[in-house]
Amino acid sequence: MTLSVSTGQAVDLRVQPVDEVLDRVERSLQVRLLPETVVRKRRSVGARTNRDTWVRVERRLLDKITDQGWNGTESAARLEGVALPTWQGCVVWRDADGPVMWRADETDLLPAAPVGSAVLTEAPKLPDAWWEALNASLDALAAHQTRRIATPDTDTITQELVTESIRSVFPGDFDTTVQRWVPAHADMNWANVTAPTFALFDWEDWGNAPRALDSASLWASSLAVPALADRVQQERRRDFESRDGKLMTLFVCSKVLGPYAHPEDPRLEPARRMAEQVIEELQAR
């Protein structure tokens, strides 16, 4: 496998050549990827197949693959009560030119189109049934048990990571200890859910995480549309009212307001206001 940059470095698959990768996937899965359907993201490429399935191909550095492996999409196939595409099979191989692994997972097609980008700037039209399905899936997921640890943005989430992330942006006299850890999707945003029929996809990073991580992540993805952010808070009220929910609100706000914050990000001001409110509530306890 040959790319135009060293495979031991971070690579953006939106701009790097991937023809050889996709050719290998087609041969291994005995399927044809439809070129007009290819969707390229920073570290993954997806496409519809000639047998009406979807194949997602991901590139990951070896040091980003933990002892639990990186078969999140495969292991999520056992989750009951969660609306997600049915997993069909996969192919995994190590790149011959560097410390890199490739993985292609084949699943059923999504029941509808993704709602939008990771961060929305316009409110989507979502029926009440959509919100009911979201709640049912997140509640069912949290009720499961797993030994997997969530890896949002490929970083294993730990108490230390939570504390460091929050303290780096919000110093203050409040405890950052998480009380409850439950299974979470760990990449919950508007690019990974479908509508008008609800489904949640891209399960490569799921695992145990602080309660309310998914709810807080979807809220942060909604901040540029105040009414949508309010709806997420309303629907997931029990999460946000919990102490862990407040910590996860600060955790996601630290991502918005941290060192990589964009000065024109419309989420900055609402994230600041919410963070100030949450810190006051935590300090009052």
Protein backbone atom coordinates (compact mmCIF):
# COMPACT_ATOMS: atom_id res chain seq x y z
CA MET A 1 0.00 0.00 0.00
CA THR A 2 1.53 3.32 -1.03
CA LEU A 3 0.44 6.81 -0.08
CA SER A 4 2.14 10.03 -1.09
CA VAL A 5 3.19 10.75 2.51
CA SER A 6 4.86 8.64 5.18
CA THR A 7 2.26 6.24 6.55
CA GLY A 8 3.66 6.70 10.04
CA GLN A 9 2.35 10.26 10.11
CA ALA A 10 -1.12 11.71 10.46
CA VAL A 11 -2.84 11.55 7.09
CA ASP A 12 -5.96 13.34 5.85
CA LEU A 13 -7.84 10.86 3.67
CA ARG A 14 -9.89 13.69 2.18
CA VAL A 15 -6.86 14.70 0.13
CA GLN A 16 -4.57 11.66 0.02
CA PRO A 17 -4.89 9.03 -2.75
CA VAL A 18 -6.85 5.97 -1.62
CA ASP A 19 -7.42 4.06 -4.89
CA GLU A 20 -5.11 1.21 -3.90
CA VAL A 21 -6.77 0.93 -0.52
CA LEU A 22 -10.24 0.70 -2.06
CA ASP A 23 -9.05 -1.82 -4.65
CA ARG A 24 -7.80 -4.07 -1.85
CA VAL A 25 -11.10 -3.74 0.02
CA GLU A 26 -13.05 -4.73 -3.10
CA ARG A 27 -10.90 -7.81 -3.65
CA SER A 28 -11.01 -8.89 -0.02
CA LEU A 29 -14.75 -8.41 0.51
CA GLN A 30 -15.60 -9.54 -3.05
CA VAL A 31 -17.67 -6.46 -3.59
CA ARG A 32 -17.68 -3.42 -5.87
CA LEU A 33 -17.67 0.07 -4.37
CA LEU A 34 -19.76 2.57 -6.32
CA PRO A 35 -17.45 5.55 -7.13
CA GLU A 36 -20.23 8.13 -7.22
CA THR A 37 -21.16 7.33 -3.60
CA VAL A 38 -17.70 7.68 -2.03
CA VAL A 39 -17.59 9.90 1.08
CA ARG A 40 -14.13 10.95 2.25
CA LYS A 41 -13.40 12.11 5.81
CA ARG A 42 -10.16 12.89 7.61
CA ARG A 43 -9.43 9.35 8.75
CA SER A 44 -12.06 7.25 6.97
CA VAL A 45 -13.58 6.64 3.56
CA GLY A 46 -17.02 5.14 2.94
CA ALA A 47 -18.96 3.99 -0.10
CA ARG A 48 -22.10 2.13 -1.14
CA THR A 49 -21.60 -1.28 -2.74
CA ASN A 50 -23.14 -3.12 -5.62
CA ARG A 51 -24.97 -5.39 -3.16
CA ASP A 52 -26.72 -2.52 -1.37
CA THR A 53 -24.46 -2.40 1.66
CA TRP A 54 -22.07 0.23 2.99
CA VAL A 55 -18.33 -0.16 3.50
CA ARG A 56 -16.40 2.12 5.85
CA VAL A 57 -12.60 2.08 5.61
CA GLU A 58 -10.51 3.52 8.43
CA ARG A 59 -6.79 4.15 8.79
CA ARG A 60 -5.33 4.13 12.30
CA LEU A 61 -1.79 4.35 13.68
CA LEU A 62 -0.70 1.34 15.74
CA ASP A 63 -0.15 3.48 18.84
CA LYS A 64 -3.79 4.53 18.61
CA ILE A 65 -4.99 0.91 18.81
CA THR A 66 -5.42 -0.10 22.45
CA ASP A 67 -5.30 -3.58 24.00
CA GLN A 68 -9.05 -3.90 23.40
CA GLY A 69 -8.44 -3.67 19.65
CA TRP A 70 -10.40 -1.46 17.30
CA ASN A 71 -13.33 -3.64 16.32
CA GLY A 72 -15.95 -1.26 17.67
CA THR A 73 -18.34 -1.62 14.74
CA GLU A 74 -18.12 -5.41 14.96
CA SER A 75 -18.59 -5.58 18.73
CA ALA A 76 -21.52 -3.15 18.61
CA ALA A 77 -23.43 -5.76 16.60
CA ARG A 78 -24.50 -7.41 19.87
CA LEU A 79 -26.14 -4.29 21.29
CA GLU A 80 -29.89 -4.78 21.77
CA GLY A 81 -32.39 -1.95 21.73
CA VAL A 82 -30.04 0.39 19.86
CA ALA A 83 -30.89 1.59 16.35
CA LEU A 84 -27.77 0.92 14.29
CA PRO A 85 -26.90 -0.65 10.91
CA THR A 86 -26.48 -4.44 10.92
CA TRP A 87 -22.82 -5.48 10.69
CA GLN A 88 -21.97 -7.93 7.88
CA GLY A 89 -18.20 -8.52 7.96
CA CYS A 90 -14.78 -6.93 7.74
CA VAL A 91 -11.21 -7.09 6.49
CA VAL A 92 -8.20 -5.84 8.47
CA TRP A 93 -4.56 -5.54 7.43
CA ARG A 94 -1.30 -3.88 8.41
CA ASP A 95 0.25 -1.39 6.03
CA ALA A 96 3.51 -2.72 4.58
CA ASP A 97 5.14 0.72 4.65
CA GLY A 98 4.63 1.89 8.22
CA PRO A 99 3.07 1.47 11.71
CA VAL A 100 -0.45 1.69 10.38
CA MET A 101 -3.51 -0.59 10.29
CA TRP A 102 -6.40 -0.45 7.85
CA ARG A 103 -9.89 -1.80 8.57
CA ALA A 104 -12.95 -2.04 6.35
CA ASP A 105 -16.35 -2.86 7.88
CA GLU A 106 -19.38 -3.74 5.77
CA THR A 107 -22.83 -2.96 7.17
CA ASP A 108 -26.38 -2.62 5.98
CA LEU A 109 -27.28 0.70 4.41
CA LEU A 110 -28.47 3.49 6.66
CA PRO A 111 -32.29 3.84 6.87
CA ALA A 112 -32.03 7.54 5.95
CA ALA A 113 -29.45 10.23 5.25
CA PRO A 114 -27.19 11.69 7.94
CA VAL A 115 -28.71 14.76 9.55
CA GLY A 116 -25.78 16.98 8.62
CA SER A 117 -22.24 17.92 9.54
CA ALA A 118 -20.71 17.42 12.97
CA VAL A 119 -21.71 20.97 13.93
CA LEU A 120 -25.05 22.25 12.64
CA THR A 121 -25.79 25.88 11.77
CA GLU A 122 -29.44 25.34 10.80
CA ALA A 123 -32.13 23.48 12.70
CA PRO A 124 -33.13 20.13 11.18
CA LYS A 125 -36.78 19.12 11.01
CA LEU A 126 -37.01 16.17 13.37
CA PRO A 127 -40.34 14.51 14.24
CA ASP A 128 -41.17 13.58 17.82
CA ALA A 129 -40.68 9.92 16.87
CA TRP A 130 -37.05 10.73 16.06
CA TRP A 131 -36.42 12.07 19.56
CA GLU A 132 -38.20 9.07 21.07
CA ALA A 133 -35.92 6.73 19.11
CA LEU A 134 -32.83 8.71 20.17
CA ASN A 135 -33.81 8.46 23.82
CA ALA A 136 -34.63 4.77 23.57
CA SER A 137 -31.29 3.98 21.91
CA LEU A 138 -29.14 6.02 24.33
CA ASP A 139 -30.96 4.59 27.34
CA ALA A 140 -30.64 1.02 26.02
CA LEU A 141 -26.95 1.54 25.28
CA ALA A 142 -26.24 2.84 28.79
CA ALA A 143 -27.98 -0.22 30.27
CA HIS A 144 -25.55 -2.63 28.57
CA GLN A 145 -22.32 -3.91 30.08
CA THR A 146 -18.97 -3.99 28.31
CA ARG A 147 -15.26 -4.17 29.05
CA ARG A 148 -14.54 -1.80 26.20
CA ILE A 149 -13.32 1.70 27.08
CA ALA A 150 -14.49 4.54 24.85
CA THR A 151 -11.87 6.22 22.66
CA PRO A 152 -13.32 9.56 21.52
CA ASP A 153 -11.05 11.06 18.87
CA THR A 154 -9.00 7.83 19.28
CA ASP A 155 -7.95 8.88 22.82
CA THR A 156 -8.88 6.47 25.62
CA ILE A 157 -11.17 8.29 28.02
CA THR A 158 -10.05 8.09 31.63
CA GLN A 159 -10.64 10.00 34.84
CA GLU A 160 -7.26 11.65 34.29
CA LEU A 161 -8.23 12.79 30.78
CA VAL A 162 -11.52 14.20 32.04
CA THR A 163 -9.82 16.11 34.83
CA GLU A 164 -7.01 17.44 32.64
CA SER A 165 -9.42 18.55 29.90
CA ILE A 166 -11.67 20.41 32.32
CA ARG A 167 -8.90 21.96 34.43
CA SER A 168 -6.99 23.15 31.39
CA VAL A 169 -9.85 25.53 30.56
CA PHE A 170 -11.88 25.86 33.77
CA PRO A 171 -9.75 26.08 36.91
CA GLY A 172 -11.89 26.22 40.02
CA ASP A 173 -12.78 24.74 43.38
CA PHE A 174 -14.94 21.79 42.35
CA ASP A 175 -14.48 18.04 42.23
CA THR A 176 -14.07 16.47 38.76
CA THR A 177 -14.47 12.85 39.89
CA VAL A 178 -16.86 10.88 37.68
CA GLN A 179 -19.37 8.85 39.66
CA ARG A 180 -20.83 6.55 37.02
CA TRP A 181 -19.34 5.01 33.88
CA VAL A 182 -21.67 3.49 31.28
CA PRO A 183 -21.43 2.38 27.64
CA ALA A 184 -21.43 5.33 25.22
CA HIS A 185 -21.17 5.80 21.47
CA ALA A 186 -18.41 8.38 22.14
CA ASP A 187 -18.69 10.19 18.79
CA MET A 188 -22.21 11.56 19.11
CA ASN A 189 -22.80 14.39 16.67
CA TRP A 190 -25.14 15.29 13.84
CA ALA A 191 -22.94 13.66 11.20
CA ASN A 192 -23.39 10.25 12.84
CA VAL A 193 -27.18 10.12 13.15
CA THR A 194 -29.82 9.78 10.45
CA ALA A 195 -33.26 11.35 9.92
CA PRO A 196 -36.20 11.22 9.51
CA THR A 197 -35.65 7.61 10.61
CA PHE A 198 -33.23 7.54 13.52
CA ALA A 199 -30.09 5.41 13.44
CA LEU A 200 -26.68 5.86 15.03
CA PHE A 201 -23.60 4.81 13.07
CA ASP A 202 -19.76 4.93 13.14
CA TRP A 203 -19.29 2.77 16.24
CA GLU A 204 -15.50 2.40 16.13
CA ASP A 205 -14.93 4.33 19.39
CA TRP A 206 -17.75 3.10 21.63
CA GLY A 207 -17.20 1.80 25.16
CA ASN A 208 -17.50 2.77 28.81
CA ALA A 209 -17.41 6.52 29.42
CA PRO A 210 -18.74 8.97 31.99
CA ARG A 211 -22.52 9.08 32.08
CA ALA A 212 -23.95 11.75 29.77
CA LEU A 213 -20.95 11.96 27.42
CA ASP A 214 -23.19 11.26 24.42
CA SER A 215 -25.89 13.72 25.50
CA ALA A 216 -23.33 16.45 26.15
CA SER A 217 -21.57 15.77 22.85
CA LEU A 218 -24.82 16.11 20.87
CA TRP A 219 -25.61 19.29 22.77
CA ALA A 220 -22.19 20.76 21.90
CA SER A 221 -22.79 19.81 18.27
CA SER A 222 -26.02 21.87 18.45
CA LEU A 223 -24.78 25.07 20.10
CA ALA A 224 -24.88 27.16 16.93
CA VAL A 225 -28.66 26.56 16.85
CA PRO A 226 -29.93 27.59 20.31
CA ALA A 227 -33.38 26.02 19.95
CA LEU A 228 -31.80 22.70 18.96
CA ALA A 229 -29.36 22.77 21.87
CA ASP A 230 -32.28 23.48 24.19
CA ARG A 231 -34.21 20.52 22.75
CA VAL A 232 -31.26 18.19 23.34
CA GLN A 233 -31.08 19.37 26.96
CA GLN A 234 -34.81 18.92 27.38
CA GLU A 235 -34.87 15.42 25.92
CA ARG A 236 -31.81 14.28 27.90
CA ARG A 237 -32.74 16.19 31.05
CA ARG A 238 -31.89 13.36 33.43
CA ASP A 239 -28.37 13.20 32.07
CA PHE A 240 -27.76 16.94 32.25
CA GLU A 241 -29.19 17.28 35.76
CA SER A 242 -26.85 14.63 37.12
CA ARG A 243 -23.46 15.57 38.55
CA ASP A 244 -21.72 13.54 35.84
CA GLY A 245 -23.82 15.37 33.26
CA LYS A 246 -22.50 18.69 34.52
CA LEU A 247 -18.94 17.38 34.33
CA MET A 248 -19.49 16.14 30.79
CA THR A 249 -20.95 19.53 29.87
CA LEU A 250 -17.69 21.11 31.02
CA PHE A 251 -15.72 18.39 29.24
CA VAL A 252 -17.32 19.12 25.85
CA CYS A 253 -17.15 22.88 26.48
CA SER A 254 -13.41 22.50 27.05
CA LYS A 255 -13.16 21.10 23.53
CA VAL A 256 -15.03 24.09 22.11
CA LEU A 257 -13.17 26.71 24.15
CA GLY A 258 -9.72 25.10 24.38
CA PRO A 259 -6.45 25.96 22.62
CA TYR A 260 -7.79 24.95 19.20
CA ALA A 261 -10.89 27.14 19.42
CA HIS A 262 -11.72 29.05 16.24
CA PRO A 263 -12.42 32.75 16.92
CA GLU A 264 -15.44 32.70 14.61
CA ASP A 265 -16.99 29.51 16.00
CA PRO A 266 -20.63 30.43 16.81
CA ARG A 267 -20.55 27.97 19.71
CA LEU A 268 -17.99 29.96 21.74
CA GLU A 269 -20.31 32.34 23.58
CA PRO A 270 -23.06 29.81 24.45
CA ALA A 271 -20.38 27.37 25.61
CA ARG A 272 -18.85 30.05 27.87
CA ARG A 273 -22.22 30.96 29.36
CA MET A 274 -23.14 27.34 30.04
CA ALA A 275 -19.72 26.58 31.53
CA GLU A 276 -20.02 29.50 33.97
CA GLN A 277 -23.46 28.32 35.05
CA VAL A 278 -22.36 24.70 35.50
CA ILE A 279 -19.27 25.68 37.51
CA GLU A 280 -21.46 27.73 39.87
CA GLU A 281 -23.76 24.73 40.34
CA LEU A 282 -20.85 22.38 41.01
CA GLN A 283 -19.25 24.77 43.50
CA ALA A 284 -22.56 25.19 45.33
CA ARG A 285 -22.77 21.47 46.08
